[in-house]
Amino acid sequence: MITLPGLIDPHTHPRGLPSDDYKEDFHTATSAAIAGGFTTIYDMPNNPKTPTLTYERLIEKQTIARGKIVCDVGFFFGTNGKNLDEFSKAAQKSKGLKVFLSISTGNLIIDLDTFTKVCEVWPTNLPILLHAEEDVVMPALTITHKTGHRTHVCHVSSEKELRQIITAKEQGFAVTCGVTPHHLFLTEADETRLKGYGQMKPSLKTKSDQNFLWKNLDAIDIIESDHAPHSKEEKEGAHPAFGVTGLETTLPLLLTAASEGKITIEDIIRLCADNPGKIFDIATDKKTKIEIDENEKWIIKNENLFTKCKWSPFDGWNVTGKVKQVFIRGTKVFENDTIIAQPGFGKIL
């Protein structure tokens, strides 16, 4: 058994609103988080049918979450470039602004001119999180560098994207970046096998891209799940919804990689606990911890998942390392595949 600090996932889509809770809600999402060793998650604004673009919607989500969450949850605000008058109020109740400069679920993509106006209004004490792919990465970072914003580039998936971020860091830009488990453990070669379950934004990339991510882990700041549950019907239809689950499988996949010598336990702590805490200013508690049997071998199975949608692109994978107990502020909330915490135990950050 080994003990790790409670993990932090700054990139999840718990759904939660009545329009979307048939595929996930705040209780099932935070239960999945705890089962995966995450004691804090952050909610992204874009995937619900009604995105978080107003102060009223932000408060509604937090109110719904408050009575259901079993781990701690923070919230990011969103923009379509037309809601700048909401920023001052939303900044008081959120942890950053998510901006889409490339296509993703929610149709919130804006151009660079609009992005400049967004940056001129969003307060510089809170970070801007970017969905920016390929050629748009460096132009976007140049804008945030000029406006003085800390910037986090989400779910980097290719060599081209990471090279631009490395260059920006070398030039002194205040930029961090995250990668997802699905981009570390899956490639475009898996799309035929996975069918709709392999559809995501950013898309799966080449083996060469994946190898570049692994070889440059020191340039990566966070591993983030981008947990985005959809119903099986939505993934198996003629036009599959984009997004994959990940809260329950991120740590087992990383522990398996550690058992194979691809990553160290220290790396996992840096990428999944220490750095997310520093980047998003999350206070840590030494009594918030997880206990793991790093040698237990098991199989990821859809039917055993806590996420309401009950599927994973890693269904059937053999992994090594399992979460046995989770404590938040000294209170045991999970033990041997059972959620102990009652709905409402978690805090809104």
Foldseek 3Di string as FASTA:
>chain_A
DDKAFQFEFAAEAQQADPQAPLQGHQQLVQLLLVQQRHQEYEHEFAAHPDGQAAPVVVVVSVVRQLQFHQHEYFYEHEALLPRLVRQVVVVVRHLEYEAECDDAHRPSHDHPVSLLVSLLRHDQVHAYEYADDAPVQLVSLVSCQVSNHQYEYEAHQFPRNLVSLVVCVVVPGNYAYEHEVCSLPHAPVCCVVCPLQQAAVVHGHDPVGNVSCLVVLVRHQAYHHNADTDAPCQSPDPHHHHHFGGSNCRVQVVLQCCVVVSDHPVSCSRHTPVRVCVNSVNDGDPLWMWDKDSADKDFDAQVLRSRSNSDGPRHGPITGMGTAWTGDNNHTQDGDSDGDGRRSNHHYD
